[in-house]
Amino acid sequence: MSKDEQYMHRALKLARHGLGQVSPNPLVGCVIVHNDTVIGEGWHRKVGEAHAEVNAIYSVKEPALLQESSVYVTLEPCSHHGRTPPCADLLVEHKVKEVIIAVQDPNPLVSGRGIRKLEKAGIQVKTGILGEQARETNKRFLTYINKQRPYIILKWAQTSDGFIARNNYDSKWISEPASRLLVHQWRSEEDAILVGTNTARFDDPKLNVREVTGRDPVRVVIDKHLQLPKKLHLFDGSQKTLCYNLVENKVEGLTQFICLQEHAFLESLLEDLKAREIQSLIIEGGAQLLNSFINAGLWDEARVFVAPGTFGSGVAAPSLKTPAAETKIISDKLLYFTNPY
């Protein structure tokens, strides 16, 4: 691994500290190096707060060294006024020697403008260092910008004989406690979590974060004909909840009912989530909802727990027509899939 790659690897590690905190902004890390010594580090910690480059620059104890320093940043520095001032301007102001960038920002508000601003100021710019790893780190943001929809993660647990629930739709408990703990960690990292009508009715999930420290995702449920009982946890008013339906628009406390047309229902739902700056979405079931997204090709990643137990009969688990990209053993087997399209 070259020195450029070593420092960029560190910047990517820093960037991931912002997971679950900075959406709809990207995850960005920054490392500042002078004479092969790291003199500053930072990452984007929370949406609306200082960006990675700002935090890194102001962590440098001797600012005069910046003029002879290399700045490693995981995404092209912003060139526009958003919630905060442009980072490219700050780098120009401090007359840094060079900026090494993992990937260009696809956001039309930036998209090369930050690089051009740096070069115009006489700053050396190098791009493409650990670009593939950087794209993986920012897969949510890149999907949000390039596909104009949230990054979609399918998640379910199934028995070793291929069932996601019993015949009465009961699915408690297929997975082991260690797997359920991991699911709460995942929830804290994503913007929203979606379930269908049957899962809401038969499982009565809270869809919050309980086992780890982190923010609760926005709860999303599909109830096309508004037939779900209001006594369900989803309607307890404890966190922001979106209910997509075919009947009416209304707001009740933290719960918002959104009426869509039957035609292109899923696409319209995703379009509405995008408009609400929901950058990532976990779909936790049930089988009918998961299959509808799979059949429409509307997914990016799937995380499937395979538990050793069996049901013998029941609701069949969804099937993905692509091999698992990765397998891990927790207490259950965990399969990771990615959508090749």
Protein backbone atom coordinates (compact mmCIF):
# COMPACT_ATOMS: atom_id res chain seq x y z
CA MET A 1 0.00 0.00 0.00
CA SER A 2 1.44 3.39 -1.03
CA LYS A 3 1.65 6.33 1.37
CA ASP A 4 -1.22 8.03 -0.45
CA GLU A 5 -3.33 4.92 0.03
CA GLN A 6 -2.38 4.65 3.72
CA TYR A 7 -3.50 8.20 4.46
CA MET A 8 -6.67 7.81 2.38
CA HIS A 9 -7.45 4.56 4.18
CA ARG A 10 -7.30 6.52 7.45
CA ALA A 11 -9.55 9.23 5.99
CA LEU A 12 -12.12 6.61 4.96
CA LYS A 13 -12.05 5.12 8.45
CA LEU A 14 -12.74 8.56 9.89
CA ALA A 15 -15.55 9.16 7.39
CA ARG A 16 -17.44 6.08 8.60
CA HIS A 17 -17.70 7.58 12.09
CA GLY A 18 -20.45 9.79 10.67
CA LEU A 19 -22.71 6.89 9.67
CA GLY A 20 -26.25 7.53 10.83
CA GLN A 21 -25.52 11.17 11.69
CA VAL A 22 -24.90 13.20 8.54
CA SER A 23 -27.63 12.23 6.05
CA PRO A 24 -28.55 13.57 3.53
CA ASN A 25 -24.91 14.70 3.34
CA PRO A 26 -22.14 12.26 2.36
CA LEU A 27 -19.73 10.55 4.73
CA VAL A 28 -16.43 12.43 4.51
CA GLY A 29 -13.10 12.07 6.29
CA CYS A 30 -10.00 14.24 6.00
CA VAL A 31 -6.34 13.76 6.96
CA ILE A 32 -3.69 16.48 6.73
CA VAL A 33 -0.06 15.40 6.32
CA HIS A 34 3.17 17.44 6.62
CA ASN A 35 6.53 15.78 5.93
CA ASP A 36 5.01 12.28 6.35
CA THR A 37 3.46 13.24 9.69
CA VAL A 38 -0.27 13.54 10.29
CA ILE A 39 -0.89 17.01 11.74
CA GLY A 40 -4.67 17.17 11.46
CA GLU A 41 -7.73 14.93 11.16
CA GLY A 42 -11.46 15.38 10.98
CA TRP A 43 -14.72 14.00 9.72
CA HIS A 44 -18.23 15.27 9.10
CA ARG A 45 -19.86 14.55 12.44
CA LYS A 46 -23.43 15.74 12.08
CA VAL A 47 -25.64 17.27 9.40
CA GLY A 48 -25.61 21.07 9.62
CA GLU A 49 -22.27 21.11 11.43
CA ALA A 50 -18.73 21.63 10.13
CA HIS A 51 -17.53 19.44 7.29
CA ALA A 52 -14.52 17.10 7.49
CA GLU A 53 -12.05 19.56 5.93
CA VAL A 54 -13.04 22.28 8.40
CA ASN A 55 -12.64 19.99 11.41
CA ALA A 56 -9.28 18.76 10.11
CA ILE A 57 -7.88 22.22 9.39
CA TYR A 58 -8.87 23.59 12.78
CA SER A 59 -7.30 20.58 14.51
CA VAL A 60 -3.86 21.61 13.16
CA LYS A 61 -1.84 23.14 16.01
CA GLU A 62 0.54 25.04 13.72
CA PRO A 63 -1.57 26.51 10.88
CA ALA A 64 1.54 27.88 9.13
CA LEU A 65 2.39 24.28 8.18
CA LEU A 66 -0.72 24.02 5.99
CA GLN A 67 1.03 25.74 3.08
CA GLU A 68 3.43 22.80 2.87
CA SER A 69 0.88 20.11 3.63
CA SER A 70 -1.09 17.48 1.70
CA VAL A 71 -4.81 17.18 2.39
CA TYR A 72 -6.41 13.76 1.90
CA VAL A 73 -10.19 13.88 1.57
CA THR A 74 -12.57 11.05 0.69
CA LEU A 75 -14.87 13.16 -1.51
CA GLU A 76 -14.34 16.25 -3.64
CA PRO A 77 -14.50 19.38 -1.40
CA CYS A 78 -17.77 21.23 -1.79
CA SER A 79 -17.78 24.45 -3.80
CA HIS A 80 -21.22 25.82 -2.93
CA HIS A 81 -22.97 27.37 0.04
CA GLY A 82 -25.28 24.79 1.59
CA ARG A 83 -25.85 24.41 5.30
CA THR A 84 -22.19 25.44 5.70
CA PRO A 85 -19.69 27.51 3.61
CA PRO A 86 -17.68 25.88 0.78
CA CYS A 87 -14.77 23.71 1.93
CA ALA A 88 -12.86 24.38 -1.29
CA ASP A 89 -12.72 28.07 -0.34
CA LEU A 90 -11.24 27.23 3.05
CA LEU A 91 -8.51 25.09 1.47
CA VAL A 92 -7.70 27.94 -0.94
CA GLU A 93 -7.66 30.44 1.91
CA HIS A 94 -5.07 28.37 3.79
CA LYS A 95 -3.02 27.84 0.60
CA VAL A 96 -2.51 24.11 1.13
CA LYS A 97 0.12 22.52 -1.14
CA GLU A 98 -1.98 19.71 -2.57
CA VAL A 99 -5.33 17.97 -2.19
CA ILE A 100 -5.68 14.22 -2.78
CA ILE A 101 -9.29 13.19 -3.45
CA ALA A 102 -10.72 9.66 -3.49
CA VAL A 103 -13.75 10.34 -5.72
CA GLN A 104 -15.42 13.27 -7.43
CA ASP A 105 -18.73 14.44 -5.96
CA PRO A 106 -21.62 13.55 -8.36
CA ASN A 107 -23.86 16.22 -6.84
CA PRO A 108 -24.58 18.68 -9.68
CA LEU A 109 -23.91 21.53 -7.24
CA VAL A 110 -20.29 20.35 -6.96
CA SER A 111 -19.34 17.80 -9.67
CA GLY A 112 -15.86 19.05 -10.58
CA ARG A 113 -16.34 22.65 -9.48
CA GLY A 114 -14.45 22.08 -6.23
CA ILE A 115 -11.52 20.56 -8.11
CA ARG A 116 -11.43 23.41 -10.62
CA LYS A 117 -11.53 25.99 -7.84
CA LEU A 118 -8.53 24.36 -6.15
CA GLU A 119 -6.55 24.09 -9.39
CA LYS A 120 -7.32 27.69 -10.33
CA ALA A 121 -5.76 28.73 -7.02
CA GLY A 122 -2.58 26.86 -7.89
CA ILE A 123 -3.20 23.90 -5.59
CA GLN A 124 -2.10 20.50 -6.92
CA VAL A 125 -5.00 18.03 -7.14
CA LYS A 126 -4.83 14.26 -7.43
CA THR A 127 -7.93 12.04 -7.71
CA GLY A 128 -8.82 8.35 -7.69
CA ILE A 129 -6.90 7.19 -4.61
CA LEU A 130 -8.88 4.24 -3.13
CA GLY A 131 -11.81 5.32 -5.28
CA GLU A 132 -13.61 1.97 -5.12
CA GLN A 133 -13.45 1.88 -1.31
CA ALA A 134 -14.65 5.48 -1.20
CA ARG A 135 -17.63 4.67 -3.42
CA GLU A 136 -18.50 1.74 -1.14
CA THR A 137 -18.30 4.00 1.93
CA ASN A 138 -20.63 6.53 0.28
CA LYS A 139 -22.95 4.06 -1.47
CA ARG A 140 -25.98 5.64 0.20
CA PHE A 141 -25.16 9.17 -0.93
CA LEU A 142 -24.14 8.09 -4.43
CA THR A 143 -27.38 6.14 -4.92
CA TYR A 144 -29.40 9.06 -3.56
CA ILE A 145 -27.78 11.41 -6.10
CA ASN A 146 -27.37 9.11 -9.10
CA LYS A 147 -30.61 7.08 -8.88
CA GLN A 148 -32.71 9.80 -7.24
CA ARG A 149 -34.02 7.43 -4.58
CA PRO A 150 -32.89 6.12 -1.19
CA TYR A 151 -30.31 3.34 -0.93
CA ILE A 152 -32.44 0.25 -0.28
CA ILE A 153 -31.40 -2.54 2.10
CA LEU A 154 -33.58 -5.66 2.26
CA LYS A 155 -33.39 -7.54 5.54
CA TRP A 156 -35.03 -10.71 6.72
CA ALA A 157 -34.46 -13.82 8.83
CA GLN A 158 -35.38 -17.26 7.57
CA THR A 159 -35.28 -20.80 8.85
CA SER A 160 -32.86 -23.33 7.43
CA ASP A 161 -35.77 -24.86 5.48
CA GLY A 162 -36.59 -21.53 3.85
CA PHE A 163 -39.48 -19.94 5.73
CA ILE A 164 -39.78 -16.36 6.89
CA ALA A 165 -42.85 -16.90 9.09
CA ARG A 166 -45.27 -19.59 10.21
CA ASN A 167 -48.62 -20.13 8.49
CA ASN A 168 -50.25 -17.70 10.94
CA TYR A 169 -47.57 -15.06 9.99
CA ASP A 170 -45.83 -15.45 13.36
CA SER A 171 -42.08 -14.96 12.92
CA LYS A 172 -40.84 -14.68 16.53
CA TRP A 173 -38.13 -15.66 17.05
CA ILE A 174 -36.29 -17.06 14.06
CA SER A 175 -32.95 -15.36 14.65
CA GLU A 176 -30.71 -15.51 17.72
CA PRO A 177 -30.20 -12.61 20.22
CA ALA A 178 -26.80 -11.68 18.71
CA SER A 179 -28.44 -11.27 15.31
CA ARG A 180 -31.22 -9.11 16.74
CA LEU A 181 -28.64 -6.89 18.45
CA LEU A 182 -26.93 -6.37 15.09
CA VAL A 183 -30.26 -5.39 13.53
CA HIS A 184 -30.64 -2.60 16.09
CA GLN A 185 -27.18 -1.35 15.15
CA TRP A 186 -28.24 -1.34 11.50
CA ARG A 187 -31.39 0.62 12.33
CA SER A 188 -29.31 3.32 14.02
CA GLU A 189 -27.24 3.70 10.83
CA GLU A 190 -30.08 4.22 8.33
CA ASP A 191 -32.62 6.99 7.81
CA ALA A 192 -35.84 5.00 7.60
CA ILE A 193 -37.29 1.52 8.08
CA LEU A 194 -40.25 0.09 6.15
CA VAL A 195 -42.70 -2.74 6.83
CA GLY A 196 -45.81 -3.90 5.06
CA THR A 197 -49.37 -4.28 6.32
CA ASN A 198 -49.12 -7.92 7.45
CA THR A 199 -45.88 -7.39 9.37
CA ALA A 200 -47.36 -4.36 11.11
CA ARG A 201 -50.53 -6.27 12.03
CA PHE A 202 -49.08 -9.62 13.10
CA ASP A 203 -45.69 -8.61 14.56
CA ASP A 204 -46.70 -5.19 15.95
CA PRO A 205 -43.06 -3.97 15.72
CA LYS A 206 -41.77 -0.80 17.40
CA LEU A 207 -39.11 -0.25 14.71
CA ASN A 208 -36.92 1.77 17.05
CA VAL A 209 -33.38 1.43 18.41
CA ARG A 210 -33.31 -0.28 21.79
CA GLU A 211 -30.25 -2.47 22.18
CA VAL A 212 -27.59 0.06 21.14
CA THR A 213 -27.01 3.80 21.36
CA GLY A 214 -28.18 5.67 18.27
CA ARG A 215 -30.98 7.61 16.65
CA ASP A 216 -34.31 6.03 15.79
CA PRO A 217 -35.04 5.74 12.06
CA VAL A 218 -38.16 7.24 10.54
CA ARG A 219 -40.80 4.50 10.63
CA VAL A 220 -42.54 3.79 7.33
CA VAL A 221 -45.53 1.50 6.85
CA ILE A 222 -47.74 0.68 3.87
CA ASP A 223 -51.42 0.48 4.77
CA LYS A 224 -53.19 1.03 1.47
CA HIS A 225 -56.74 0.99 2.80
CA LEU A 226 -56.01 2.32 6.31
CA GLN A 227 -57.18 -0.86 7.98
CA LEU A 228 -54.43 -1.27 10.56
CA PRO A 229 -55.52 -0.87 14.21
CA LYS A 230 -54.45 2.43 15.75
CA LYS A 231 -53.39 0.59 18.92
CA LEU A 232 -50.28 -0.73 17.14
CA HIS A 233 -46.86 0.51 18.27
CA LEU A 234 -46.37 2.15 14.87
CA PHE A 235 -49.11 4.66 15.71
CA ASP A 236 -48.08 5.38 19.32
CA GLY A 237 -46.68 8.83 18.42
CA SER A 238 -43.26 8.05 19.92
CA GLN A 239 -41.27 8.78 16.75
CA LYS A 240 -41.74 10.15 13.27
CA THR A 241 -43.87 7.74 11.20
CA LEU A 242 -45.00 7.83 7.56
CA CYS A 243 -48.02 5.79 6.51
CA TYR A 244 -48.45 5.42 2.74
CA ASN A 245 -51.98 4.70 1.57
CA LEU A 246 -54.56 5.11 -1.21
CA VAL A 247 -57.14 6.99 0.88
CA GLU A 248 -56.10 10.33 2.38
CA ASN A 249 -53.47 12.82 3.43
CA LYS A 250 -53.48 13.88 7.07
CA VAL A 251 -51.19 14.48 10.03
CA GLU A 252 -51.71 13.16 13.55
CA GLY A 253 -48.88 14.26 15.82
CA LEU A 254 -45.67 12.66 14.60
CA THR A 255 -47.59 10.38 12.23
CA GLN A 256 -48.18 11.52 8.67
CA PHE A 257 -50.54 9.75 6.28
CA ILE A 258 -49.57 10.15 2.63
CA CYS A 259 -51.95 9.26 -0.19
CA LEU A 260 -50.43 7.84 -3.38
CA GLN A 261 -51.88 6.48 -6.59
CA GLU A 262 -52.04 2.70 -7.05
CA HIS A 263 -50.08 2.95 -10.30
CA ALA A 264 -46.32 2.93 -9.67
CA PHE A 265 -47.00 2.89 -5.92
CA LEU A 266 -43.51 1.81 -4.86
CA GLU A 267 -41.77 4.24 -7.20
CA SER A 268 -43.97 7.07 -5.90
CA LEU A 269 -43.22 6.06 -2.32
CA LEU A 270 -39.47 6.19 -2.98
CA GLU A 271 -39.83 9.51 -4.78
CA ASP A 272 -41.62 10.95 -1.75
CA LEU A 273 -38.94 9.61 0.63
CA LYS A 274 -36.25 11.19 -1.56
CA ALA A 275 -38.09 14.52 -1.38
CA ARG A 276 -38.02 14.19 2.43
CA GLU A 277 -34.21 13.74 2.27
CA ILE A 278 -34.38 10.08 3.29
CA GLN A 279 -31.07 8.79 1.97
CA SER A 280 -31.32 5.15 3.04
CA LEU A 281 -34.12 2.69 3.74
CA ILE A 282 -34.19 -0.73 5.43
CA ILE A 283 -37.09 -2.96 4.39
CA GLU A 284 -37.81 -5.48 7.15
CA GLY A 285 -40.73 -7.34 5.62
CA GLY A 286 -42.88 -9.18 5.20
CA ALA A 287 -42.40 -11.55 2.31
CA GLN A 288 -44.97 -9.91 0.04
CA LEU A 289 -43.39 -6.47 0.42
CA LEU A 290 -39.84 -7.78 0.04
CA ASN A 291 -40.81 -9.70 -3.10
CA SER A 292 -42.47 -6.63 -4.60
CA PHE A 293 -39.22 -4.65 -4.29
CA ILE A 294 -37.16 -7.58 -5.57
CA ASN A 295 -39.43 -8.09 -8.59
CA ALA A 296 -39.25 -4.38 -9.39
CA GLY A 297 -35.47 -4.41 -9.13
CA LEU A 298 -35.69 -1.74 -6.45
CA TRP A 299 -32.99 -2.86 -4.06
CA ASP A 300 -29.25 -2.37 -3.61
CA GLU A 301 -28.28 -4.75 -0.84
CA ALA A 302 -29.83 -7.66 1.06
CA ARG A 303 -28.88 -8.96 4.50
CA VAL A 304 -30.33 -12.39 5.22
CA PHE A 305 -30.06 -14.31 8.48
CA VAL A 306 -30.34 -18.07 8.10
CA ALA A 307 -31.14 -19.69 11.45
CA PRO A 308 -30.65 -23.39 12.18
CA GLY A 309 -34.29 -23.97 13.19
CA THR A 310 -37.05 -25.25 10.91
CA PHE A 311 -40.79 -24.60 10.51
CA GLY A 312 -41.69 -27.39 8.11
CA SER A 313 -44.28 -25.14 6.46
CA GLY A 314 -45.21 -21.47 6.46
CA VAL A 315 -44.58 -18.29 4.51
CA ALA A 316 -41.72 -18.86 2.05
CA ALA A 317 -38.72 -16.56 2.28
CA PRO A 318 -37.96 -14.33 -0.70
CA SER A 319 -35.51 -15.62 -3.28
CA LEU A 320 -32.71 -13.60 -4.83
CA LYS A 321 -31.46 -14.72 -8.23
CA THR A 322 -27.87 -13.83 -7.44
CA PRO A 323 -25.26 -15.58 -5.27
CA ALA A 324 -24.32 -14.19 -1.88
CA ALA A 325 -21.42 -11.75 -2.10
CA GLU A 326 -20.33 -12.50 1.45
CA THR A 327 -21.14 -14.91 4.27
CA LYS A 328 -20.56 -14.33 7.98
CA ILE A 329 -21.27 -16.48 11.00
CA ILE A 330 -22.61 -14.69 14.05
CA SER A 331 -24.80 -17.14 15.93
CA ASP A 332 -26.89 -17.44 12.78
CA LYS A 333 -25.45 -17.47 9.28
CA LEU A 334 -25.59 -13.99 7.72
CA LEU A 335 -25.63 -13.70 3.93
CA TYR A 336 -24.92 -10.42 2.14
CA PHE A 337 -26.23 -9.87 -1.39
CA THR A 338 -25.79 -6.94 -3.76
CA ASN A 339 -27.99 -6.10 -6.72
CA PRO A 340 -25.85 -6.47 -9.85
CA TYR A 341 -28.09 -4.18 -11.90
